[in-house]
Amino acid sequence: MAGSQFTLAALATTAVPGLVLTGTRTLGSVAGGDYESAVVRDADGRSSAIRRPRNQRAEARQSADLVAIRALSAGIRARLPFAVPEYRGQAPIGSTRAILTSYVEGAHPALRDLTDRPELATSVGRAIAALHALPTSFVTDAGLPSLTPFEVLRSAVSVMDRAVATKLVPDALQERWEGAARDQQLWQFTPTVVHGSLGLDSVLVQGDDVTGVLGWGELRLGDPAKDLAWVLAGRREAFDTVLSAYTAGGGGRDRQLGQRARVHHELETAQWLLHGVQVKSTEVVDDAVAMMHRLAEAVHAPTAAPLQAVSPETMEIGEVEQLLSSTERRHS
């Protein structure tokens, strides 16, 4: 374990010639995970993170992340109320490479933190609003994806169709999702800069403030609701607080934002099912099927809200998020 840590430190000095290190420590899991990572401290007192991918999936993700963070110029970063890793160098090792970036301080929150600490939920909403307010030109200039509302809808429908084709999606959910897909008003939105894979593992906090955001490989122009969907895995109060702060922070006047976030969130069960089918994992498939059946029961409840577009006065964020959070398989 120590050998890996010091190997990474040596790679850091290769990535930045002349770099003088005064300390190093491991970052994340030593034995597992997609990356071998360490934090190194240099003679100037700066801390950097160095990561070496352990597999091709991680290597592809790291490459996409590198393209994105290099597109985030100093001027763009200055508009954000949180830190983003800065590229500092890279070093070849075997058939891959290790990437050195600035180290962003903070810890990953838990879903319950957003409920127990409304100030933190408010900070999350403001942070997402600031991200979505960035000028779109830098994304297109960098050649990053730019999705229209139709393309976002088409992607959602593809997930629905492939999940339904497994014959494992309950009829109630199939009808609910297809109804949302047919609702043209629901999918009328202005594409914004989005993180694309925002969640607990990408948000860093200190106290009640968002201090950093990681994992930028899905940076693109797309549906702002996608960046809010992960909050629905927690309790209703947390999402309401985040959404309120998002709107107050200039997050647009998209009346259907909460409803589309719900669609994206519910489709995570379908994506989990498709992942289980792809990797041929009976455990994952069974987990996804159980989640969908509990979700189907919930949408039959008298208080269940439809996925179709509704007016702001009747828009409710309620019954499904607590159901999905009960599993917390990826968030606990």
C-alpha atoms as a PDB file:
ATOM      1  CA  MET A   1       0.000   0.000   0.000  1.00  0.00           C
ATOM      2  CA  ALA A   2       2.761   2.415   0.916  1.00  0.00           C
ATOM      3  CA  GLY A   3       4.548   1.435  -2.283  1.00  0.00           C
ATOM      4  CA  SER A   4       1.576   2.551  -4.362  1.00  0.00           C
ATOM      5  CA  GLN A   5       1.414   5.843  -2.501  1.00  0.00           C
ATOM      6  CA  PHE A   6       5.062   6.629  -3.153  1.00  0.00           C
ATOM      7  CA  THR A   7       4.830   5.433  -6.752  1.00  0.00           C
ATOM      8  CA  LEU A   8       2.111   8.003  -7.276  1.00  0.00           C
ATOM      9  CA  ALA A   9       4.267  10.651  -5.615  1.00  0.00           C
ATOM     10  CA  ALA A  10       7.071   9.830  -8.034  1.00  0.00           C
ATOM     11  CA  LEU A  11       4.636  10.119 -10.945  1.00  0.00           C
ATOM     12  CA  ALA A  12       3.629  13.572  -9.687  1.00  0.00           C
ATOM     13  CA  THR A  13       7.228  14.767 -10.001  1.00  0.00           C
ATOM     14  CA  THR A  14       7.304  13.366 -13.537  1.00  0.00           C
ATOM     15  CA  ALA A  15       4.045  15.141 -14.374  1.00  0.00           C
ATOM     16  CA  VAL A  16       5.483  18.480 -13.237  1.00  0.00           C
ATOM     17  CA  PRO A  17       9.243  18.604 -13.736  1.00  0.00           C
ATOM     18  CA  GLY A  18      10.981  20.412 -10.892  1.00  0.00           C
ATOM     19  CA  LEU A  19       8.143  19.760  -8.462  1.00  0.00           C
ATOM     20  CA  VAL A  20       9.521  19.304  -4.937  1.00  0.00           C
ATOM     21  CA  LEU A  21       7.292  17.258  -2.657  1.00  0.00           C
ATOM     22  CA  THR A  22       7.274  17.518   1.117  1.00  0.00           C
ATOM     23  CA  GLY A  23       4.540  15.014   1.924  1.00  0.00           C
ATOM     24  CA  THR A  24       2.100  12.457   0.592  1.00  0.00           C
ATOM     25  CA  ARG A  25      -0.923  10.533   1.796  1.00  0.00           C
ATOM     26  CA  THR A  26      -3.423   8.125   0.320  1.00  0.00           C
ATOM     27  CA  LEU A  27      -6.724   9.368  -1.078  1.00  0.00           C
ATOM     28  CA  GLY A  28      -9.817   7.197  -1.063  1.00  0.00           C
ATOM     29  CA  SER A  29      -9.734   3.410  -0.946  1.00  0.00           C
ATOM     30  CA  VAL A  30      -6.325   1.779  -1.197  1.00  0.00           C
ATOM     31  CA  ALA A  31      -7.523  -1.697  -2.162  1.00  0.00           C
ATOM     32  CA  GLY A  32     -10.657  -1.002  -4.195  1.00  0.00           C
ATOM     33  CA  GLY A  33     -12.200   1.522  -6.528  1.00  0.00           C
ATOM     34  CA  ASP A  34     -11.439   2.500 -10.092  1.00  0.00           C
ATOM     35  CA  TYR A  35      -8.406   4.613  -9.248  1.00  0.00           C
ATOM     36  CA  GLU A  36      -5.219   4.544  -7.232  1.00  0.00           C
ATOM     37  CA  SER A  37      -5.061   8.019  -5.723  1.00  0.00           C
ATOM     38  CA  ALA A  38      -2.908  10.100  -3.441  1.00  0.00           C
ATOM     39  CA  VAL A  39      -2.627  13.665  -2.194  1.00  0.00           C
ATOM     40  CA  VAL A  40       0.827  15.224  -2.451  1.00  0.00           C
ATOM     41  CA  ARG A  41       2.067  18.451  -0.884  1.00  0.00           C
ATOM     42  CA  ASP A  42       4.781  20.515  -2.532  1.00  0.00           C
ATOM     43  CA  ALA A  43       7.377  22.943  -1.205  1.00  0.00           C
ATOM     44  CA  ASP A  44       5.081  25.890  -1.969  1.00  0.00           C
ATOM     45  CA  GLY A  45       2.452  24.462   0.369  1.00  0.00           C
ATOM     46  CA  ARG A  46       0.063  23.499  -2.417  1.00  0.00           C
ATOM     47  CA  SER A  47      -1.791  20.191  -2.322  1.00  0.00           C
ATOM     48  CA  SER A  48      -2.455  18.189  -5.482  1.00  0.00           C
ATOM     49  CA  ALA A  49      -4.330  14.984  -6.212  1.00  0.00           C
ATOM     50  CA  ILE A  50      -2.809  12.351  -8.470  1.00  0.00           C
ATOM     51  CA  ARG A  51      -4.884   9.496  -9.839  1.00  0.00           C
ATOM     52  CA  ARG A  52      -4.042   6.455 -11.900  1.00  0.00           C
ATOM     53  CA  PRO A  53      -6.965   4.512 -13.454  1.00  0.00           C
ATOM     54  CA  ARG A  54      -7.168   0.801 -12.670  1.00  0.00           C
ATOM     55  CA  ASN A  55      -9.286  -0.188 -15.666  1.00  0.00           C
ATOM     56  CA  GLN A  56     -10.397   1.000 -19.103  1.00  0.00           C
ATOM     57  CA  ARG A  57     -13.697   2.357 -17.808  1.00  0.00           C
ATOM     58  CA  ALA A  58     -11.862   4.562 -15.321  1.00  0.00           C
ATOM     59  CA  GLU A  59      -9.372   5.618 -17.978  1.00  0.00           C
ATOM     60  CA  ALA A  60     -12.174   6.742 -20.302  1.00  0.00           C
ATOM     61  CA  ARG A  61     -13.873   8.604 -17.481  1.00  0.00           C
ATOM     62  CA  GLN A  62     -10.628  10.292 -16.490  1.00  0.00           C
ATOM     63  CA  SER A  63     -10.002  11.385 -20.093  1.00  0.00           C
ATOM     64  CA  ALA A  64     -13.481  12.896 -20.353  1.00  0.00           C
ATOM     65  CA  ASP A  65     -13.009  14.641 -17.029  1.00  0.00           C
ATOM     66  CA  LEU A  66      -9.702  16.081 -18.209  1.00  0.00           C
ATOM     67  CA  VAL A  67     -11.272  17.546 -21.352  1.00  0.00           C
ATOM     68  CA  ALA A  68     -13.993  19.165 -19.245  1.00  0.00           C
ATOM     69  CA  ILE A  69     -11.823  20.715 -16.538  1.00  0.00           C
ATOM     70  CA  ARG A  70      -9.462  22.121 -19.142  1.00  0.00           C
ATOM     71  CA  ALA A  71     -12.483  23.766 -20.799  1.00  0.00           C
ATOM     72  CA  LEU A  72     -13.301  25.486 -17.494  1.00  0.00           C
ATOM     73  CA  SER A  73     -11.112  28.567 -17.877  1.00  0.00           C
ATOM     74  CA  ALA A  74     -10.106  30.876 -15.036  1.00  0.00           C
ATOM     75  CA  GLY A  75     -12.824  33.301 -16.109  1.00  0.00           C
ATOM     76  CA  ILE A  76     -15.487  30.597 -15.992  1.00  0.00           C
ATOM     77  CA  ARG A  77     -14.276  29.307 -12.622  1.00  0.00           C
ATOM     78  CA  ALA A  78     -14.458  32.816 -11.188  1.00  0.00           C
ATOM     79  CA  ARG A  79     -18.241  32.733 -11.715  1.00  0.00           C
ATOM     80  CA  LEU A  80     -18.648  29.646  -9.529  1.00  0.00           C
ATOM     81  CA  PRO A  81     -19.021  29.757  -5.712  1.00  0.00           C
ATOM     82  CA  PHE A  82     -17.061  26.516  -5.365  1.00  0.00           C
ATOM     83  CA  ALA A  83     -13.711  25.111  -6.483  1.00  0.00           C
ATOM     84  CA  VAL A  84     -13.093  22.866  -9.478  1.00  0.00           C
ATOM     85  CA  PRO A  85      -9.901  20.770  -9.848  1.00  0.00           C
ATOM     86  CA  GLU A  86      -7.275  22.416 -12.055  1.00  0.00           C
ATOM     87  CA  TYR A  87      -5.102  20.398 -14.401  1.00  0.00           C
ATOM     88  CA  ARG A  88      -1.416  20.445 -13.413  1.00  0.00           C
ATOM     89  CA  GLY A  89       0.192  17.683 -15.442  1.00  0.00           C
ATOM     90  CA  GLN A  90       0.284  14.025 -16.418  1.00  0.00           C
ATOM     91  CA  ALA A  91       2.732  11.158 -16.475  1.00  0.00           C
ATOM     92  CA  PRO A  92       2.672   7.902 -18.478  1.00  0.00           C
ATOM     93  CA  ILE A  93       2.645   4.628 -16.577  1.00  0.00           C
ATOM     94  CA  GLY A  94       2.289   1.336 -18.408  1.00  0.00           C
ATOM     95  CA  SER A  95      -0.466   1.597 -20.984  1.00  0.00           C
ATOM     96  CA  THR A  96      -2.227   4.448 -19.206  1.00  0.00           C
ATOM     97  CA  ARG A  97      -1.378   7.739 -17.517  1.00  0.00           C
ATOM     98  CA  ALA A  98      -1.649   9.389 -14.129  1.00  0.00           C
ATOM     99  CA  ILE A  99      -3.256  12.837 -13.974  1.00  0.00           C
ATOM    100  CA  LEU A 100      -2.215  15.519 -11.484  1.00  0.00           C
ATOM    101  CA  THR A 101      -4.802  18.138 -10.502  1.00  0.00           C
ATOM    102  CA  SER A 102      -5.218  20.632  -7.714  1.00  0.00           C
ATOM    103  CA  TYR A 103      -6.689  19.090  -4.571  1.00  0.00           C
ATOM    104  CA  VAL A 104     -10.098  20.425  -3.549  1.00  0.00           C
ATOM    105  CA  GLU A 105     -10.813  20.409   0.178  1.00  0.00           C
ATOM    106  CA  GLY A 106     -14.066  19.056   1.535  1.00  0.00           C
ATOM    107  CA  ALA A 107     -16.010  15.907   2.371  1.00  0.00           C
ATOM    108  CA  HIS A 108     -18.863  14.183   0.570  1.00  0.00           C
ATOM    109  CA  PRO A 109     -22.215  14.828   2.304  1.00  0.00           C
ATOM    110  CA  ALA A 110     -24.878  12.250   3.102  1.00  0.00           C
ATOM    111  CA  LEU A 111     -28.463  12.603   1.909  1.00  0.00           C
ATOM    112  CA  ARG A 112     -29.691  13.042   5.449  1.00  0.00           C
ATOM    113  CA  ASP A 113     -27.418  16.086   5.788  1.00  0.00           C
ATOM    114  CA  LEU A 114     -29.555  17.947   3.250  1.00  0.00           C
ATOM    115  CA  THR A 115     -32.608  17.367   5.451  1.00  0.00           C
ATOM    116  CA  ASP A 116     -30.952  17.942   8.814  1.00  0.00           C
ATOM    117  CA  ARG A 117     -29.072  21.051   7.663  1.00  0.00           C
ATOM    118  CA  PRO A 118     -31.286  23.333   5.547  1.00  0.00           C
ATOM    119  CA  GLU A 119     -28.386  25.781   5.192  1.00  0.00           C
ATOM    120  CA  LEU A 120     -26.421  23.087   3.374  1.00  0.00           C
ATOM    121  CA  ALA A 121     -29.383  22.293   1.102  1.00  0.00           C
ATOM    122  CA  THR A 122     -29.618  26.013   0.349  1.00  0.00           C
ATOM    123  CA  SER A 123     -25.922  26.104  -0.548  1.00  0.00           C
ATOM    124  CA  VAL A 124     -26.418  23.131  -2.883  1.00  0.00           C
ATOM    125  CA  GLY A 125     -29.296  24.888  -4.663  1.00  0.00           C
ATOM    126  CA  ARG A 126     -27.289  28.075  -5.096  1.00  0.00           C
ATOM    127  CA  ALA A 127     -24.264  26.161  -6.344  1.00  0.00           C
ATOM    128  CA  ILE A 128     -26.294  24.373  -9.014  1.00  0.00           C
ATOM    129  CA  ALA A 129     -27.935  27.649 -10.041  1.00  0.00           C
ATOM    130  CA  ALA A 130     -24.516  29.268 -10.489  1.00  0.00           C
ATOM    131  CA  LEU A 131     -23.387  26.359 -12.645  1.00  0.00           C
ATOM    132  CA  HIS A 132     -26.470  26.559 -14.843  1.00  0.00           C
ATOM    133  CA  ALA A 133     -25.999  30.323 -15.253  1.00  0.00           C
ATOM    134  CA  LEU A 134     -22.594  29.899 -16.934  1.00  0.00           C
ATOM    135  CA  PRO A 135     -22.327  31.089 -20.535  1.00  0.00           C
ATOM    136  CA  THR A 136     -23.006  28.272 -22.949  1.00  0.00           C
ATOM    137  CA  SER A 137     -20.371  29.343 -25.458  1.00  0.00           C
ATOM    138  CA  PHE A 138     -17.427  27.776 -23.621  1.00  0.00           C
ATOM    139  CA  VAL A 139     -19.077  24.350 -23.817  1.00  0.00           C
ATOM    140  CA  THR A 140     -19.641  24.523 -27.552  1.00  0.00           C
ATOM    141  CA  ASP A 141     -16.198  26.065 -28.122  1.00  0.00           C
ATOM    142  CA  ALA A 142     -14.650  23.059 -26.368  1.00  0.00           C
ATOM    143  CA  GLY A 143     -16.550  20.649 -28.608  1.00  0.00           C
ATOM    144  CA  LEU A 144     -18.498  19.189 -25.669  1.00  0.00           C
ATOM    145  CA  PRO A 145     -21.974  17.695 -26.257  1.00  0.00           C
ATOM    146  CA  SER A 146     -24.899  20.053 -26.755  1.00  0.00           C
ATOM    147  CA  LEU A 147     -28.284  18.377 -26.334  1.00  0.00           C
ATOM    148  CA  THR A 148     -31.581  19.839 -27.466  1.00  0.00           C
ATOM    149  CA  PRO A 149     -34.801  19.172 -25.516  1.00  0.00           C
ATOM    150  CA  PHE A 150     -35.778  16.661 -28.207  1.00  0.00           C
ATOM    151  CA  GLU A 151     -32.494  14.785 -27.781  1.00  0.00           C
ATOM    152  CA  VAL A 152     -32.941  14.725 -23.997  1.00  0.00           C
ATOM    153  CA  LEU A 153     -36.437  13.311 -24.452  1.00  0.00           C
ATOM    154  CA  ARG A 154     -35.213  10.792 -27.017  1.00  0.00           C
ATOM    155  CA  SER A 155     -32.546   9.584 -24.582  1.00  0.00           C
ATOM    156  CA  ALA A 156     -35.136   9.181 -21.812  1.00  0.00           C
ATOM    157  CA  VAL A 157     -37.472   7.291 -24.150  1.00  0.00           C
ATOM    158  CA  SER A 158     -34.606   4.996 -25.157  1.00  0.00           C
ATOM    159  CA  VAL A 159     -34.048   4.069 -21.498  1.00  0.00           C
ATOM    160  CA  MET A 160     -37.772   3.480 -21.049  1.00  0.00           C
ATOM    161  CA  ASP A 161     -38.059   1.326 -24.166  1.00  0.00           C
ATOM    162  CA  ARG A 162     -35.021  -0.820 -23.388  1.00  0.00           C
ATOM    163  CA  ALA A 163     -36.187  -1.347 -19.814  1.00  0.00           C
ATOM    164  CA  VAL A 164     -39.723  -2.253 -20.935  1.00  0.00           C
ATOM    165  CA  ALA A 165     -38.243  -4.700 -23.453  1.00  0.00           C
ATOM    166  CA  THR A 166     -36.885  -6.762 -20.554  1.00  0.00           C
ATOM    167  CA  LYS A 167     -40.509  -7.519 -19.538  1.00  0.00           C
ATOM    168  CA  LEU A 168     -39.562  -6.662 -15.955  1.00  0.00           C
ATOM    169  CA  VAL A 169     -41.056  -3.158 -15.689  1.00  0.00           C
ATOM    170  CA  PRO A 170     -44.456  -3.093 -13.899  1.00  0.00           C
ATOM    171  CA  ASP A 171     -47.359  -1.950 -16.083  1.00  0.00           C
ATOM    172  CA  ALA A 172     -48.076   1.005 -13.803  1.00  0.00           C
ATOM    173  CA  LEU A 173     -44.580   2.386 -14.311  1.00  0.00           C
ATOM    174  CA  GLN A 174     -44.634   1.775 -18.035  1.00  0.00           C
ATOM    175  CA  GLU A 175     -47.860   3.764 -18.343  1.00  0.00           C
ATOM    176  CA  ARG A 176     -46.545   6.507 -16.065  1.00  0.00           C
ATOM    177  CA  TRP A 177     -43.275   6.930 -17.957  1.00  0.00           C
ATOM    178  CA  GLU A 178     -44.878   6.748 -21.378  1.00  0.00           C
ATOM    179  CA  GLY A 179     -47.387   9.387 -20.287  1.00  0.00           C
ATOM    180  CA  ALA A 180     -44.525  11.685 -19.297  1.00  0.00           C
ATOM    181  CA  ALA A 181     -42.803  11.067 -22.618  1.00  0.00           C
ATOM    182  CA  ARG A 182     -45.939  12.083 -24.524  1.00  0.00           C
ATOM    183  CA  ASP A 183     -46.321  15.343 -22.599  1.00  0.00           C
ATOM    184  CA  GLN A 184     -44.777  17.962 -24.894  1.00  0.00           C
ATOM    185  CA  GLN A 185     -45.092  20.755 -22.343  1.00  0.00           C
ATOM    186  CA  LEU A 186     -42.971  18.836 -19.863  1.00  0.00           C
ATOM    187  CA  TRP A 187     -39.999  18.816 -22.234  1.00  0.00           C
ATOM    188  CA  GLN A 188     -40.023  22.463 -23.193  1.00  0.00           C
ATOM    189  CA  PHE A 189     -36.930  23.955 -21.587  1.00  0.00           C
ATOM    190  CA  THR A 190     -33.868  26.010 -22.419  1.00  0.00           C
ATOM    191  CA  PRO A 191     -30.690  23.895 -22.377  1.00  0.00           C
ATOM    192  CA  THR A 192     -28.095  25.148 -19.902  1.00  0.00           C
ATOM    193  CA  VAL A 193     -24.588  24.217 -18.883  1.00  0.00           C
ATOM    194  CA  VAL A 194     -24.994  21.065 -16.777  1.00  0.00           C
ATOM    195  CA  HIS A 195     -22.587  18.911 -14.815  1.00  0.00           C
ATOM    196  CA  GLY A 196     -24.397  15.842 -16.091  1.00  0.00           C
ATOM    197  CA  SER A 197     -23.551  13.394 -13.305  1.00  0.00           C
ATOM    198  CA  LEU A 198     -24.009  15.468 -10.174  1.00  0.00           C
ATOM    199  CA  GLY A 199     -24.473  13.517  -6.951  1.00  0.00           C
ATOM    200  CA  LEU A 200     -23.148  12.823  -3.485  1.00  0.00           C
ATOM    201  CA  ASP A 201     -19.879  11.454  -4.838  1.00  0.00           C
ATOM    202  CA  SER A 202     -19.153  14.625  -6.804  1.00  0.00           C
ATOM    203  CA  VAL A 203     -20.149  17.298  -4.272  1.00  0.00           C
ATOM    204  CA  LEU A 204     -17.698  18.405  -1.569  1.00  0.00           C
ATOM    205  CA  VAL A 205     -18.768  20.391   1.479  1.00  0.00           C
ATOM    206  CA  GLN A 206     -17.288  21.979   4.559  1.00  0.00           C
ATOM    207  CA  GLY A 207     -19.788  22.824   7.245  1.00  0.00           C
ATOM    208  CA  ASP A 208     -22.884  24.121   5.481  1.00  0.00           C
ATOM    209  CA  ASP A 209     -21.102  25.295   2.344  1.00  0.00           C
ATOM    210  CA  VAL A 210     -20.424  23.580  -0.976  1.00  0.00           C
ATOM    211  CA  THR A 211     -16.667  23.924  -1.414  1.00  0.00           C
ATOM    212  CA  GLY A 212     -16.045  21.919  -4.555  1.00  0.00           C
ATOM    213  CA  VAL A 213     -17.460  19.766  -7.335  1.00  0.00           C
ATOM    214  CA  LEU A 214     -15.646  16.817  -8.901  1.00  0.00           C
ATOM    215  CA  GLY A 215     -16.273  14.409 -11.790  1.00  0.00           C
ATOM    216  CA  TRP A 216     -16.856  16.728 -14.749  1.00  0.00           C
ATOM    217  CA  GLY A 217     -16.728  14.106 -17.486  1.00  0.00           C
ATOM    218  CA  GLU A 218     -20.408  14.601 -18.443  1.00  0.00           C
ATOM    219  CA  LEU A 219     -20.165  18.401 -18.745  1.00  0.00           C
ATOM    220  CA  ARG A 220     -22.454  19.526 -21.569  1.00  0.00           C
ATOM    221  CA  LEU A 221     -25.435  21.629 -22.562  1.00  0.00           C
ATOM    222  CA  GLY A 222     -28.577  19.816 -21.534  1.00  0.00           C
ATOM    223  CA  ASP A 223     -31.533  19.563 -19.190  1.00  0.00           C
ATOM    224  CA  PRO A 224     -30.974  21.472 -15.924  1.00  0.00           C
ATOM    225  CA  ALA A 225     -33.372  19.071 -14.203  1.00  0.00           C
ATOM    226  CA  LYS A 226     -30.775  16.305 -14.570  1.00  0.00           C
ATOM    227  CA  ASP A 227     -28.492  18.027 -12.053  1.00  0.00           C
ATOM    228  CA  LEU A 228     -31.299  18.188  -9.494  1.00  0.00           C
ATOM    229  CA  ALA A 229     -32.582  14.614  -9.820  1.00  0.00           C
ATOM    230  CA  TRP A 230     -30.109  13.106  -7.319  1.00  0.00           C
ATOM    231  CA  VAL A 231     -31.563  15.182  -4.472  1.00  0.00           C
ATOM    232  CA  LEU A 232     -34.861  13.305  -4.880  1.00  0.00           C
ATOM    233  CA  ALA A 233     -33.208  10.229  -3.382  1.00  0.00           C
ATOM    234  CA  GLY A 234     -33.552  12.041  -0.047  1.00  0.00           C
ATOM    235  CA  ARG A 235     -36.548  13.465   1.721  1.00  0.00           C
ATOM    236  CA  ARG A 236     -39.112  15.843   0.273  1.00  0.00           C
ATOM    237  CA  GLU A 237     -38.076  18.744   2.519  1.00  0.00           C
ATOM    238  CA  ALA A 238     -34.515  18.616   1.246  1.00  0.00           C
ATOM    239  CA  PHE A 239     -35.553  18.800  -2.400  1.00  0.00           C
ATOM    240  CA  ASP A 240     -37.976  21.630  -1.695  1.00  0.00           C
ATOM    241  CA  THR A 241     -35.199  23.605   0.004  1.00  0.00           C
ATOM    242  CA  VAL A 242     -32.703  22.935  -2.792  1.00  0.00           C
ATOM    243  CA  LEU A 243     -35.239  23.856  -5.488  1.00  0.00           C
ATOM    244  CA  SER A 244     -36.264  27.042  -3.661  1.00  0.00           C
ATOM    245  CA  ALA A 245     -32.638  28.142  -3.291  1.00  0.00           C
ATOM    246  CA  TYR A 246     -31.976  27.218  -6.915  1.00  0.00           C
ATOM    247  CA  THR A 247     -34.833  29.412  -8.114  1.00  0.00           C
ATOM    248  CA  ALA A 248     -33.890  32.288  -5.807  1.00  0.00           C
ATOM    249  CA  GLY A 249     -30.303  31.994  -7.027  1.00  0.00           C
ATOM    250  CA  GLY A 250     -31.334  32.719 -10.584  1.00  0.00           C
ATOM    251  CA  GLY A 251     -31.942  29.155 -11.693  1.00  0.00           C
ATOM    252  CA  GLY A 252     -34.503  30.105 -14.316  1.00  0.00           C
ATOM    253  CA  ARG A 253     -38.294  30.014 -14.402  1.00  0.00           C
ATOM    254  CA  ASP A 254     -38.801  26.514 -15.740  1.00  0.00           C
ATOM    255  CA  ARG A 255     -42.157  25.537 -14.269  1.00  0.00           C
ATOM    256  CA  GLN A 256     -41.650  21.869 -15.040  1.00  0.00           C
ATOM    257  CA  LEU A 257     -38.132  21.600 -13.598  1.00  0.00           C
ATOM    258  CA  GLY A 258     -39.197  19.596 -10.560  1.00  0.00           C
ATOM    259  CA  GLN A 259     -41.365  17.258 -12.614  1.00  0.00           C
ATOM    260  CA  ARG A 260     -38.592  16.474 -15.100  1.00  0.00           C
ATOM    261  CA  ALA A 261     -36.186  15.932 -12.208  1.00  0.00           C
ATOM    262  CA  ARG A 262     -38.651  13.349 -10.950  1.00  0.00           C
ATOM    263  CA  VAL A 263     -38.688  11.638 -14.368  1.00  0.00           C
ATOM    264  CA  HIS A 264     -34.890  11.492 -14.478  1.00  0.00           C
ATOM    265  CA  HIS A 265     -34.810  10.197 -10.918  1.00  0.00           C
ATOM    266  CA  GLU A 266     -37.372   7.457 -11.487  1.00  0.00           C
ATOM    267  CA  LEU A 267     -35.558   6.367 -14.633  1.00  0.00           C
ATOM    268  CA  GLU A 268     -32.502   5.638 -12.497  1.00  0.00           C
ATOM    269  CA  THR A 269     -34.280   2.418 -11.526  1.00  0.00           C
ATOM    270  CA  ALA A 270     -34.593   1.548 -15.221  1.00  0.00           C
ATOM    271  CA  GLN A 271     -30.918   2.346 -15.782  1.00  0.00           C
ATOM    272  CA  TRP A 272     -29.991   0.182 -12.795  1.00  0.00           C
ATOM    273  CA  LEU A 273     -32.020  -2.652 -14.320  1.00  0.00           C
ATOM    274  CA  LEU A 274     -30.310  -2.237 -17.691  1.00  0.00           C
ATOM    275  CA  HIS A 275     -26.918  -2.221 -15.997  1.00  0.00           C
ATOM    276  CA  GLY A 276     -27.756  -5.488 -14.254  1.00  0.00           C
ATOM    277  CA  VAL A 277     -28.836  -7.044 -17.534  1.00  0.00           C
ATOM    278  CA  GLN A 278     -25.698  -5.835 -19.302  1.00  0.00           C
ATOM    279  CA  VAL A 279     -23.287  -7.231 -16.691  1.00  0.00           C
ATOM    280  CA  LYS A 280     -25.501 -10.308 -16.196  1.00  0.00           C
ATOM    281  CA  SER A 281     -25.833  -9.714 -12.462  1.00  0.00           C
ATOM    282  CA  THR A 282     -28.879 -11.432 -10.979  1.00  0.00           C
ATOM    283  CA  GLU A 283     -28.361  -9.492  -7.752  1.00  0.00           C
ATOM    284  CA  VAL A 284     -28.524  -6.113  -9.491  1.00  0.00           C
ATOM    285  CA  VAL A 285     -31.511  -7.121 -11.624  1.00  0.00           C
ATOM    286  CA  ASP A 286     -33.417  -8.385  -8.582  1.00  0.00           C
ATOM    287  CA  ASP A 287     -32.613  -5.180  -6.707  1.00  0.00           C
ATOM    288  CA  ALA A 288     -33.858  -3.031  -9.581  1.00  0.00           C
ATOM    289  CA  VAL A 289     -37.030  -5.071 -10.001  1.00  0.00           C
ATOM    290  CA  ALA A 290     -37.798  -4.808  -6.273  1.00  0.00           C
ATOM    291  CA  MET A 291     -37.279  -1.042  -6.428  1.00  0.00           C
ATOM    292  CA  MET A 292     -39.604  -0.705  -9.405  1.00  0.00           C
ATOM    293  CA  HIS A 293     -42.348  -2.749  -7.763  1.00  0.00           C
ATOM    294  CA  ARG A 294     -42.192  -0.567  -4.644  1.00  0.00           C
ATOM    295  CA  LEU A 295     -42.263   2.482  -6.875  1.00  0.00           C
ATOM    296  CA  ALA A 296     -45.299   1.101  -8.733  1.00  0.00           C
ATOM    297  CA  GLU A 297     -47.121   0.633  -5.428  1.00  0.00           C
ATOM    298  CA  ALA A 298     -46.314   4.204  -4.442  1.00  0.00           C
ATOM    299  CA  VAL A 299     -47.671   5.738  -7.655  1.00  0.00           C
ATOM    300  CA  HIS A 300     -51.016   4.045  -7.013  1.00  0.00           C
ATOM    301  CA  ALA A 301     -51.346   5.879  -3.690  1.00  0.00           C
ATOM    302  CA  PRO A 302     -54.067   8.566  -3.533  1.00  0.00           C
ATOM    303  CA  THR A 303     -51.465  11.259  -2.866  1.00  0.00           C
ATOM    304  CA  ALA A 304     -49.197  10.223  -5.748  1.00  0.00           C
ATOM    305  CA  ALA A 305     -48.397  13.059  -8.133  1.00  0.00           C
ATOM    306  CA  PRO A 306     -48.429  12.530 -11.904  1.00  0.00           C
ATOM    307  CA  LEU A 307     -45.301  12.985 -13.977  1.00  0.00           C
ATOM    308  CA  GLN A 308     -47.070  15.116 -16.557  1.00  0.00           C
ATOM    309  CA  ALA A 309     -46.644  18.870 -16.611  1.00  0.00           C
ATOM    310  CA  VAL A 310     -48.572  20.649 -13.866  1.00  0.00           C
ATOM    311  CA  SER A 311     -48.994  24.238 -12.747  1.00  0.00           C
ATOM    312  CA  PRO A 312     -46.726  25.651 -10.020  1.00  0.00           C
ATOM    313  CA  GLU A 313     -49.676  25.748  -7.635  1.00  0.00           C
ATOM    314  CA  THR A 314     -50.203  21.993  -7.816  1.00  0.00           C
ATOM    315  CA  MET A 315     -46.607  20.881  -8.279  1.00  0.00           C
ATOM    316  CA  GLU A 316     -45.696  18.535  -5.422  1.00  0.00           C
ATOM    317  CA  ILE A 317     -42.400  16.766  -4.753  1.00  0.00           C
ATOM    318  CA  GLY A 318     -43.426  13.952  -2.540  1.00  0.00           C
ATOM    319  CA  GLU A 319     -44.022  10.307  -2.427  1.00  0.00           C
ATOM    320  CA  VAL A 320     -41.356   8.621  -4.548  1.00  0.00           C
ATOM    321  CA  GLU A 321     -38.131  10.110  -3.206  1.00  0.00           C
ATOM    322  CA  GLN A 322     -38.504   8.594   0.275  1.00  0.00           C
ATOM    323  CA  LEU A 323     -39.245   5.228  -1.308  1.00  0.00           C
ATOM    324  CA  LEU A 324     -36.094   5.267  -3.413  1.00  0.00           C
ATOM    325  CA  SER A 325     -33.968   6.582  -0.564  1.00  0.00           C
ATOM    326  CA  SER A 326     -34.950   3.562   1.544  1.00  0.00           C
ATOM    327  CA  THR A 327     -32.520   1.448  -0.447  1.00  0.00           C
ATOM    328  CA  GLU A 328     -29.660   3.975  -0.338  1.00  0.00           C
ATOM    329  CA  ARG A 329     -27.544   1.342  -2.018  1.00  0.00           C
ATOM    330  CA  ARG A 330     -25.362   3.928  -3.651  1.00  0.00           C
ATOM    331  CA  HIS A 331     -25.695   6.748  -1.145  1.00  0.00           C
ATOM    332  CA  SER A 332     -25.182   5.268   2.331  1.00  0.00           C
END
